[in-house]
Amino acid sequence: MTVFVVFIINFVADFAVGIWASHWAPRQPSNYYSYPIRFKGGIVAYLPSAIGQYLVWGFWSHFLLLGIIGLLFWYYEKTGRAIRYR
């Protein structure tokens, strides 16, 4: 259950940051907004370093969480602890 909650929170947060960056992030770098993110159409938005890194790593961690969920499904099925509805 916890992995599903983290998965959903990561998806929503990554999606929200991506939407914010594509519409309202500055297009010129500054001391604070120094991390470039490239969007389709040649648009480059600059984000704070921590948020920019989250936008990149949050995307890849989403696939990692999907893999963990798949392994949990497999583990619970193998050990016989899967809940079955008939």
N, C-alpha and C. Protein backbone atom coordinates (compact mmCIF):
# COMPACT_ATOMS: atom_id res chain seq x y z
N MET A 1 0.83 -1.19 0.00
CA MET A 1 0.00 0.00 0.00
C MET A 1 0.87 1.26 0.00
N THR A 2 1.95 1.24 0.77
CA THR A 2 2.82 2.41 0.86
C THR A 2 3.47 2.71 -0.48
N VAL A 3 3.87 1.67 -1.20
CA VAL A 3 4.51 1.87 -2.50
C VAL A 3 3.53 2.52 -3.48
N PHE A 4 2.25 2.12 -3.42
CA PHE A 4 1.24 2.73 -4.30
C PHE A 4 1.06 4.21 -3.97
N VAL A 5 1.05 4.55 -2.69
CA VAL A 5 0.88 5.95 -2.28
C VAL A 5 2.07 6.78 -2.76
N VAL A 6 3.28 6.27 -2.57
CA VAL A 6 4.47 6.98 -3.03
C VAL A 6 4.45 7.12 -4.55
N PHE A 7 4.01 6.08 -5.24
CA PHE A 7 3.91 6.09 -6.70
C PHE A 7 2.97 7.21 -7.16
N ILE A 8 1.80 7.30 -6.56
CA ILE A 8 0.81 8.31 -6.95
C ILE A 8 1.31 9.71 -6.60
N ILE A 9 1.89 9.89 -5.41
CA ILE A 9 2.40 11.20 -5.02
C ILE A 9 3.52 11.64 -5.95
N ASN A 10 4.41 10.71 -6.30
CA ASN A 10 5.49 11.03 -7.23
C ASN A 10 4.94 11.44 -8.59
N PHE A 11 3.95 10.71 -9.08
CA PHE A 11 3.35 11.04 -10.38
C PHE A 11 2.73 12.43 -10.37
N VAL A 12 1.94 12.72 -9.35
CA VAL A 12 1.24 14.01 -9.28
C VAL A 12 2.24 15.15 -9.13
N ALA A 13 3.24 14.98 -8.26
CA ALA A 13 4.23 16.04 -8.04
C ALA A 13 5.07 16.28 -9.30
N ASP A 14 5.50 15.21 -9.95
CA ASP A 14 6.31 15.35 -11.16
C ASP A 14 5.50 16.00 -12.28
N PHE A 15 4.25 15.62 -12.42
CA PHE A 15 3.37 16.21 -13.42
C PHE A 15 3.14 17.69 -13.14
N ALA A 16 2.89 18.04 -11.88
CA ALA A 16 2.64 19.43 -11.51
C ALA A 16 3.87 20.30 -11.73
N VAL A 17 5.04 19.80 -11.38
CA VAL A 17 6.27 20.56 -11.60
C VAL A 17 6.52 20.74 -13.09
N GLY A 18 6.26 19.70 -13.87
CA GLY A 18 6.44 19.81 -15.32
C GLY A 18 5.52 20.83 -15.94
N ILE A 19 4.27 20.86 -15.52
CA ILE A 19 3.32 21.85 -16.04
C ILE A 19 3.74 23.25 -15.64
N TRP A 20 4.13 23.41 -14.36
CA TRP A 20 4.57 24.72 -13.89
C TRP A 20 5.78 25.19 -14.68
N ALA A 21 6.75 24.31 -14.88
CA ALA A 21 7.98 24.68 -15.57
C ALA A 21 7.72 25.05 -17.02
N SER A 22 6.83 24.33 -17.67
CA SER A 22 6.60 24.60 -19.09
C SER A 22 5.86 25.92 -19.31
N HIS A 23 5.11 26.39 -18.32
CA HIS A 23 4.33 27.60 -18.51
C HIS A 23 4.91 28.83 -17.80
N TRP A 24 5.40 28.67 -16.57
CA TRP A 24 5.73 29.84 -15.77
C TRP A 24 7.18 29.96 -15.33
N ALA A 25 8.00 28.99 -15.61
CA ALA A 25 9.41 29.10 -15.22
C ALA A 25 10.11 30.13 -16.11
N PRO A 26 11.12 30.80 -15.57
CA PRO A 26 11.82 31.80 -16.38
C PRO A 26 12.54 31.16 -17.57
N ARG A 27 12.66 31.91 -18.65
CA ARG A 27 13.34 31.44 -19.85
C ARG A 27 14.79 31.91 -19.91
N GLN A 28 15.19 32.74 -18.97
CA GLN A 28 16.57 33.22 -18.89
C GLN A 28 17.19 32.76 -17.57
N PRO A 29 18.45 32.29 -17.60
CA PRO A 29 19.08 31.82 -16.35
C PRO A 29 19.41 32.98 -15.42
N SER A 30 19.44 32.67 -14.15
CA SER A 30 19.87 33.63 -13.13
C SER A 30 20.64 32.85 -12.07
N ASN A 31 21.02 33.51 -11.00
CA ASN A 31 21.76 32.82 -9.94
C ASN A 31 20.92 31.72 -9.31
N TYR A 32 19.64 31.97 -9.11
CA TYR A 32 18.76 30.99 -8.45
C TYR A 32 18.17 30.00 -9.45
N TYR A 33 17.76 30.47 -10.59
CA TYR A 33 17.16 29.62 -11.63
C TYR A 33 18.26 29.26 -12.64
N SER A 34 19.01 28.20 -12.33
CA SER A 34 20.18 27.89 -13.15
C SER A 34 20.14 26.51 -13.81
N TYR A 35 19.13 25.71 -13.52
CA TYR A 35 19.07 24.34 -14.05
C TYR A 35 18.20 24.33 -15.31
N PRO A 36 18.79 24.07 -16.50
CA PRO A 36 18.00 24.11 -17.74
C PRO A 36 17.21 22.83 -17.96
N ILE A 37 15.96 22.98 -18.34
CA ILE A 37 15.10 21.87 -18.74
C ILE A 37 14.60 22.18 -20.15
N ARG A 38 14.81 21.25 -21.05
CA ARG A 38 14.41 21.45 -22.45
C ARG A 38 13.06 20.78 -22.71
N PHE A 39 12.16 21.54 -23.32
CA PHE A 39 10.84 21.04 -23.68
C PHE A 39 10.75 20.95 -25.19
N LYS A 40 9.67 20.32 -25.67
CA LYS A 40 9.44 20.25 -27.11
C LYS A 40 9.32 21.65 -27.70
N GLY A 41 9.71 21.78 -28.93
CA GLY A 41 9.62 23.07 -29.60
C GLY A 41 10.81 23.97 -29.32
N GLY A 42 11.85 23.45 -28.67
CA GLY A 42 13.04 24.25 -28.41
C GLY A 42 12.93 25.17 -27.22
N ILE A 43 11.91 25.01 -26.41
CA ILE A 43 11.74 25.86 -25.23
C ILE A 43 12.68 25.37 -24.13
N VAL A 44 13.44 26.29 -23.56
CA VAL A 44 14.32 25.97 -22.43
C VAL A 44 13.85 26.79 -21.25
N ALA A 45 13.48 26.10 -20.17
CA ALA A 45 13.07 26.77 -18.94
C ALA A 45 14.15 26.53 -17.90
N TYR A 46 14.36 27.50 -17.04
CA TYR A 46 15.38 27.39 -15.99
C TYR A 46 14.70 27.28 -14.64
N LEU A 47 15.11 26.27 -13.89
CA LEU A 47 14.52 25.98 -12.59
C LEU A 47 15.59 26.04 -11.51
N PRO A 48 15.17 26.15 -10.24
CA PRO A 48 16.15 25.96 -9.17
C PRO A 48 16.75 24.55 -9.27
N SER A 49 17.97 24.40 -8.86
CA SER A 49 18.69 23.15 -9.06
C SER A 49 17.96 21.95 -8.47
N ALA A 50 17.46 22.07 -7.25
CA ALA A 50 16.79 20.93 -6.61
C ALA A 50 15.52 20.54 -7.35
N ILE A 51 14.75 21.51 -7.79
CA ILE A 51 13.51 21.20 -8.50
C ILE A 51 13.80 20.63 -9.88
N GLY A 52 14.80 21.16 -10.55
CA GLY A 52 15.18 20.63 -11.85
C GLY A 52 15.66 19.19 -11.77
N GLN A 53 16.45 18.88 -10.77
CA GLN A 53 16.91 17.51 -10.60
C GLN A 53 15.76 16.58 -10.23
N TYR A 54 14.80 17.07 -9.43
CA TYR A 54 13.63 16.25 -9.12
C TYR A 54 12.82 15.97 -10.38
N LEU A 55 12.71 16.94 -11.25
CA LEU A 55 11.94 16.74 -12.48
C LEU A 55 12.56 15.64 -13.33
N VAL A 56 13.87 15.59 -13.39
CA VAL A 56 14.56 14.54 -14.15
C VAL A 56 14.51 13.21 -13.41
N TRP A 57 14.93 13.19 -12.15
CA TRP A 57 15.00 11.94 -11.40
C TRP A 57 13.61 11.43 -11.02
N GLY A 58 12.64 12.31 -10.85
CA GLY A 58 11.28 11.88 -10.54
C GLY A 58 10.68 11.07 -11.67
N PHE A 59 11.03 11.44 -12.91
CA PHE A 59 10.55 10.68 -14.07
C PHE A 59 11.10 9.26 -14.03
N TRP A 60 12.40 9.12 -13.81
CA TRP A 60 13.01 7.79 -13.79
C TRP A 60 12.62 7.00 -12.54
N SER A 61 12.43 7.66 -11.41
CA SER A 61 12.01 6.94 -10.21
C SER A 61 10.61 6.38 -10.36
N HIS A 62 9.82 6.98 -11.26
CA HIS A 62 8.48 6.46 -11.52
C HIS A 62 8.57 5.04 -12.10
N PHE A 63 9.51 4.82 -13.02
CA PHE A 63 9.70 3.49 -13.58
C PHE A 63 10.26 2.52 -12.53
N LEU A 64 11.13 3.01 -11.66
CA LEU A 64 11.65 2.18 -10.57
C LEU A 64 10.51 1.74 -9.65
N LEU A 65 9.63 2.66 -9.31
CA LEU A 65 8.48 2.31 -8.46
C LEU A 65 7.55 1.32 -9.16
N LEU A 66 7.36 1.46 -10.46
CA LEU A 66 6.56 0.48 -11.20
C LEU A 66 7.20 -0.91 -11.13
N GLY A 67 8.52 -0.97 -11.23
CA GLY A 67 9.22 -2.25 -11.11
C GLY A 67 9.06 -2.85 -9.72
N ILE A 68 9.14 -2.03 -8.69
CA ILE A 68 8.96 -2.51 -7.32
C ILE A 68 7.55 -3.03 -7.13
N ILE A 69 6.56 -2.34 -7.68
CA ILE A 69 5.17 -2.80 -7.58
C ILE A 69 5.01 -4.15 -8.27
N GLY A 70 5.62 -4.30 -9.44
CA GLY A 70 5.58 -5.59 -10.15
C GLY A 70 6.22 -6.70 -9.34
N LEU A 71 7.37 -6.41 -8.72
CA LEU A 71 8.02 -7.41 -7.88
C LEU A 71 7.17 -7.77 -6.66
N LEU A 72 6.48 -6.79 -6.09
CA LEU A 72 5.60 -7.07 -4.96
C LEU A 72 4.43 -7.96 -5.37
N PHE A 73 3.85 -7.67 -6.54
CA PHE A 73 2.78 -8.55 -7.04
C PHE A 73 3.28 -9.98 -7.19
N TRP A 74 4.46 -10.12 -7.81
CA TRP A 74 5.04 -11.44 -8.01
C TRP A 74 5.32 -12.13 -6.68
N TYR A 75 5.89 -11.39 -5.71
CA TYR A 75 6.24 -11.97 -4.41
C TYR A 75 5.00 -12.44 -3.66
N TYR A 76 3.97 -11.62 -3.62
CA TYR A 76 2.76 -12.01 -2.90
C TYR A 76 2.05 -13.17 -3.58
N GLU A 77 2.12 -13.23 -4.89
CA GLU A 77 1.53 -14.37 -5.60
C GLU A 77 2.33 -15.64 -5.32
N LYS A 78 3.64 -15.54 -5.30
CA LYS A 78 4.50 -16.70 -5.07
C LYS A 78 4.35 -17.25 -3.66
N THR A 79 4.23 -16.37 -2.67
CA THR A 79 4.13 -16.81 -1.28
C THR A 79 2.70 -17.17 -0.89
N GLY A 80 1.76 -16.99 -1.79
CA GLY A 80 0.38 -17.35 -1.49
C GLY A 80 -0.36 -16.34 -0.66
N ARG A 81 0.16 -15.14 -0.53
CA ARG A 81 -0.50 -14.12 0.28
C ARG A 81 -1.29 -13.13 -0.56
N ALA A 82 -1.43 -13.41 -1.84
CA ALA A 82 -2.21 -12.52 -2.71
C ALA A 82 -3.68 -12.64 -2.35
N ILE A 83 -4.38 -11.53 -2.39
CA ILE A 83 -5.81 -11.52 -2.10
C ILE A 83 -6.54 -11.85 -3.39
N ARG A 84 -7.38 -12.83 -3.35
CA ARG A 84 -8.12 -13.26 -4.54
C ARG A 84 -9.61 -13.01 -4.32
N TYR A 85 -10.19 -12.38 -5.31
CA TYR A 85 -11.63 -12.15 -5.29
C TYR A 85 -12.26 -13.05 -6.33
N ARG A 86 -13.30 -13.75 -5.94
CA ARG A 86 -13.98 -14.66 -6.87
C ARG A 86 -15.39 -14.23 -7.08
